[in-house]
């Protein structure tokens, strides 16, 4: 049986009808099997597939039908112009998070110490180090699996990042930074089991944060001032509808609090400067 690119895409789109953006996913998966850029493949829709390619495509379609995230199947995701390895050990880097990265980059100067808290795949820490190569970047996470992936990404991209494993600031006792950036878990626990099927396949440790989704922000608001140099900057990604509440949590220890939108126009980043005399100031913990 002769099967062309066009035939394969039509059949795959029908199979993936329950998947968001079924046609687009079908195209990315087939381009991955063929080892060519997606647009190049679409130019040559009459190309015939080999038996081996048909079998390989079938295997990938089965994974996508089960709602495994496309980025896990393809094994990579672009972030800030860099390609990051992606798998089930860590949250998939999102384009929305580029707004957080860009805000942090505004404050990073040569020689600055930067901390990426809850680093996951390492996307923020690595992108910051690559784009501000004179910065001294540390990435921390409680998950040893996520840190293993982050280390692989740093090595693949040639990024000089120091890694620390532990719960929030616990492995960073006595250390201070000029910029702290974090995309912590922020989904309310009550939403577990109601999210898009693909999201539910990502690590729960990186998603859920108590009854209202603000548990990690409360801890960061209390603990971050001791780990920031005077006038140091804290930049946080927040979930939908959380920006105002997170900004309010920072009012005690921070000033110049700003809420910034992502590329979709939604409030996604809360940025603030440590007060010169913070109520939580003192020796680093």
Foldseek 3Di string as FASTA:
>chain_A
DWAFQLNQLVVQLVLCVVPPPRSVLLLVLLCLLVVHDSVVRVVRRRHTDDPVSVVSSVVLSVCVSLVADSCQSSQWDDDPRDIAGDHQLFDDDDLQCNVLLVVQLVQDDQAFEEEEWQCQQVRSQQSSCVVRVRYAYEYEHQRPSSVVNNVVRCVVVVGRYHYDHDDGCVRPFQAAGQEYEYAAAFDAPVCQPVDDPNVNSHDPRRHYAYHHRCNVLLVCLQQRQLRYDAFGKYKYFHDAPCLVVSLVSNVQFWPPWDFDGGPVRGGTMIMTTGHNDHPNYDGHD
